[in-house]
């Protein structure tokens, strides 16, 4: 979900990845930020919700953090869920095996 993502100017050491800001849509107290992952061959455009007072420029590079409880991994070939047993171990295995599709929670 857009509200579950946090944007940072610098890496934090958490579960994050680089993205480029495509469009910023101010909505008053919040802004919707349309992003493209840096690894475009594996990424789909997505939206993050941020504080409407935060200055953010189109074309800037940011780090997108996903909270542990909102990370859901899917097999890129089959689309099947990789169940969370041990998040770090599963994420490492998925990346090593080329299963790099990541989605935020849809609860």
Protein backbone atom coordinates (compact mmCIF):
# COMPACT_ATOMS: atom_id res chain seq x y z
CA UNK A 1 0.00 0.00 0.00
CA UNK A 2 1.26 3.49 -0.76
CA UNK A 3 0.94 4.55 2.89
CA UNK A 4 3.16 1.65 4.05
CA UNK A 5 6.19 2.84 2.08
CA UNK A 6 8.72 5.35 3.44
CA UNK A 7 10.94 7.45 1.18
CA UNK A 8 14.48 8.36 2.26
CA UNK A 9 17.14 10.54 0.66
CA UNK A 10 19.90 8.14 1.78
CA UNK A 11 20.09 4.37 2.46
CA UNK A 12 19.03 3.34 5.97
CA UNK A 13 20.20 -0.27 5.98
CA UNK A 14 16.64 -1.63 6.07
CA UNK A 15 14.62 -3.39 3.38
CA UNK A 16 14.87 -0.72 0.73
CA UNK A 17 15.59 -0.17 -2.92
CA UNK A 18 16.36 2.78 -5.17
CA UNK A 19 13.70 4.47 -7.26
CA UNK A 20 13.35 7.56 -9.42
CA UNK A 21 10.52 10.04 -8.81
CA UNK A 22 8.37 10.34 -11.93
CA UNK A 23 5.46 12.52 -10.76
CA UNK A 24 4.54 14.23 -7.47
CA UNK A 25 0.80 14.75 -6.94
CA UNK A 26 0.18 17.15 -4.00
CA UNK A 27 -3.12 16.45 -2.21
CA UNK A 28 -2.85 18.86 0.74
CA UNK A 29 -1.61 17.09 3.86
CA UNK A 30 -0.25 14.20 1.76
CA UNK A 31 1.37 13.76 -1.64
CA UNK A 32 1.26 10.77 -3.94
CA UNK A 33 4.68 10.10 -5.41
CA UNK A 34 4.79 8.02 -8.59
CA UNK A 35 8.05 6.08 -8.77
CA UNK A 36 10.00 3.83 -11.10
CA UNK A 37 12.45 1.30 -9.58
CA UNK A 38 16.06 1.89 -10.65
CA UNK A 39 16.28 -1.72 -11.93
CA UNK A 40 13.71 -1.13 -14.65
CA UNK A 41 14.08 -4.60 -16.14
CA UNK A 42 12.54 -6.06 -12.96
CA UNK A 43 10.34 -3.24 -11.74
CA UNK A 44 6.86 -1.93 -12.30
CA UNK A 45 5.95 1.71 -11.62
CA UNK A 46 4.34 2.19 -8.20
CA UNK A 47 3.00 4.89 -5.85
CA UNK A 48 4.10 5.95 -2.36
CA UNK A 49 2.21 8.29 -0.05
CA UNK A 50 4.31 10.95 1.71
CA UNK A 51 3.81 13.94 3.98
CA UNK A 52 2.45 16.77 1.85
CA UNK A 53 4.98 19.18 3.36
CA UNK A 54 8.00 17.10 2.34
CA UNK A 55 9.88 18.69 -0.55
CA UNK A 56 10.48 16.12 -3.28
CA UNK A 57 11.38 16.79 -6.90
CA UNK A 58 10.45 14.94 -10.05
CA UNK A 59 13.51 13.14 -11.41
CA UNK A 60 15.15 12.80 -8.00
CA UNK A 61 16.45 9.46 -6.73
CA UNK A 62 15.12 8.13 -3.43
CA UNK A 63 15.37 5.00 -1.32
CA UNK A 64 12.06 3.25 -0.74
CA UNK A 65 11.76 1.35 2.55
CA UNK A 66 9.23 -1.43 3.00
CA UNK A 67 8.43 -2.48 6.60
CA UNK A 68 9.20 -6.15 7.29
CA UNK A 69 5.56 -7.00 7.95
CA UNK A 70 4.52 -5.59 4.57
CA UNK A 71 6.99 -7.47 2.36
CA UNK A 72 5.45 -10.18 0.21
CA UNK A 73 7.61 -12.10 -2.25
CA UNK A 74 6.35 -13.77 -5.41
CA UNK A 75 7.97 -16.19 -7.80
CA UNK A 76 8.58 -14.17 -10.99
CA UNK A 77 7.91 -17.20 -13.21
CA UNK A 78 4.77 -18.65 -11.59
CA UNK A 79 3.37 -15.67 -9.69
CA UNK A 80 2.99 -17.86 -6.61
CA UNK A 81 3.60 -16.47 -3.12
CA UNK A 82 6.84 -17.30 -1.34
CA UNK A 83 5.53 -17.66 2.22
CA UNK A 84 7.28 -15.75 4.99
CA UNK A 85 9.11 -18.29 7.12
CA UNK A 86 12.23 -16.32 7.80
CA UNK A 87 12.01 -13.04 5.94
CA UNK A 88 15.73 -12.38 5.46
CA UNK A 89 16.52 -15.96 4.40
CA UNK A 90 13.60 -16.06 1.95
CA UNK A 91 14.49 -12.69 0.47
CA UNK A 92 18.10 -13.74 -0.06
CA UNK A 93 17.07 -17.01 -1.70
CA UNK A 94 14.53 -15.26 -3.90
CA UNK A 95 17.06 -12.72 -5.12
CA UNK A 96 19.67 -15.41 -5.77
CA UNK A 97 17.14 -17.44 -7.79
CA UNK A 98 15.97 -14.48 -9.85
CA UNK A 99 12.60 -14.16 -8.15
CA UNK A 100 12.74 -10.41 -7.68
CA UNK A 101 9.11 -9.32 -7.84
CA UNK A 102 8.22 -7.51 -4.62
CA UNK A 103 4.81 -6.21 -3.64
CA UNK A 104 3.48 -4.22 -0.72
CA UNK A 105 0.68 -5.67 1.42
CA UNK A 106 -2.81 -5.54 -0.03
CA UNK A 107 -4.68 -6.03 3.25
